[in-house]
Amino acid sequence: MLYIIESSNNLYKIGISNNPLKRLNQLQVGNGQKLKIIAILNVQDEKITEKRIHSMLWQNKSIFGRNNEWFNLSSELLNWLLEYLQTC
């Protein structure tokens, strides 16, 4: 399953996990920001889809920090991403 987790400082993690709730708890440990899952999606070829999204966001310079998988997404980009994932 592909998930999107939002932090309380409006950064987003896009990843895959067989258990997104467990993954949320793992990420919450040691994280000063409150995290919440905003989407869990069943997509075809989840690893390829995740890599494609990460690549697009890195090229769009939406990454937060260096070599990081947390993304700074505008509401427009987040809405586009959620709509795009519905088609996968």
Protein backbone atom coordinates (compact mmCIF):
# COMPACT_ATOMS: atom_id res chain seq x y z
CA MET A 1 0.00 0.00 0.00
CA LEU A 2 1.13 3.52 -0.72
CA TYR A 3 0.66 6.07 2.07
CA ILE A 4 0.96 9.80 2.53
CA ILE A 5 1.78 11.05 6.01
CA GLU A 6 1.47 14.72 6.93
CA SER A 7 3.47 16.35 9.72
CA SER A 8 2.15 19.22 11.82
CA ASN A 9 4.63 21.53 10.04
CA ASN A 10 3.05 20.66 6.66
CA LEU A 11 5.69 18.30 5.31
CA TYR A 12 4.63 15.08 3.61
CA LYS A 13 6.14 11.61 3.44
CA ILE A 14 5.12 9.37 0.57
CA GLY A 15 6.02 5.73 1.00
CA ILE A 16 4.94 2.13 0.80
CA SER A 17 4.23 -0.30 3.60
CA ASN A 18 2.23 -3.44 4.22
CA ASN A 19 1.13 -1.79 7.49
CA PRO A 20 0.92 2.01 7.16
CA LEU A 21 -0.34 2.46 10.75
CA LYS A 22 2.70 0.63 12.11
CA ARG A 23 4.91 2.74 9.84
CA LEU A 24 3.25 5.89 11.19
CA ASN A 25 4.06 4.82 14.75
CA GLN A 26 7.67 4.07 13.78
CA LEU A 27 8.06 7.52 12.24
CA GLN A 28 6.38 9.23 15.20
CA VAL A 29 9.00 7.93 17.64
CA GLY A 30 11.56 10.67 18.08
CA ASN A 31 9.70 13.08 15.80
CA GLY A 32 8.75 16.36 17.49
CA GLN A 33 5.98 16.97 14.97
CA LYS A 34 2.56 15.35 15.19
CA LEU A 35 2.13 12.95 12.26
CA LYS A 36 -1.08 11.73 10.67
CA ILE A 37 -1.93 9.55 7.71
CA ILE A 38 -3.91 11.48 5.12
CA ALA A 39 -4.09 8.75 2.47
CA ILE A 40 -3.69 4.99 2.13
CA LEU A 41 -4.03 3.76 -1.43
CA ASN A 42 -3.81 0.43 -3.18
CA VAL A 43 -1.94 1.14 -6.40
CA GLN A 44 -0.52 -1.13 -9.06
CA ASP A 45 3.27 -1.43 -9.05
CA GLU A 46 3.57 0.47 -5.78
CA LYS A 47 7.40 0.56 -5.78
CA ILE A 48 7.49 1.98 -9.30
CA THR A 49 4.73 4.47 -8.46
CA GLU A 50 6.55 5.60 -5.30
CA LYS A 51 9.83 6.08 -7.20
CA ARG A 52 8.05 7.97 -9.98
CA ILE A 53 6.42 10.34 -7.47
CA HIS A 54 9.67 10.90 -5.56
CA SER A 55 11.53 11.61 -8.79
CA MET A 56 8.90 14.09 -9.93
CA LEU A 57 8.92 15.88 -6.58
CA TRP A 58 12.73 16.00 -6.45
CA GLN A 59 12.80 17.49 -9.96
CA ASN A 60 10.15 19.98 -8.86
CA LYS A 61 12.40 20.94 -5.93
CA SER A 62 9.65 20.08 -3.47
CA ILE A 63 12.07 18.19 -1.24
CA PHE A 64 12.62 19.42 2.30
CA GLY A 65 16.26 19.22 3.25
CA ARG A 66 18.99 17.31 1.51
CA ASN A 67 18.63 13.60 0.66
CA ASN A 68 15.32 13.56 2.44
CA GLU A 69 11.98 11.88 1.75
CA TRP A 70 9.87 14.57 3.34
CA PHE A 71 8.31 16.91 0.81
CA ASN A 72 7.06 20.47 1.04
CA LEU A 73 3.87 20.36 -1.04
CA SER A 74 1.52 23.20 -1.87
CA SER A 75 -2.16 22.39 -1.43
CA GLU A 76 -2.49 22.43 -5.24
CA LEU A 77 0.33 19.92 -5.69
CA LEU A 78 -1.02 17.70 -2.91
CA ASN A 79 -4.50 17.71 -4.47
CA TRP A 80 -3.02 16.90 -7.89
CA LEU A 81 -1.00 14.05 -6.37
CA LEU A 82 -4.05 12.57 -4.62
CA GLU A 83 -6.04 12.74 -7.86
CA TYR A 84 -3.16 11.20 -9.84
CA LEU A 85 -2.85 8.32 -7.37
CA GLN A 86 -6.53 7.50 -7.79
CA THR A 87 -5.72 6.60 -11.40
CA CYS A 88 -2.81 4.28 -10.58
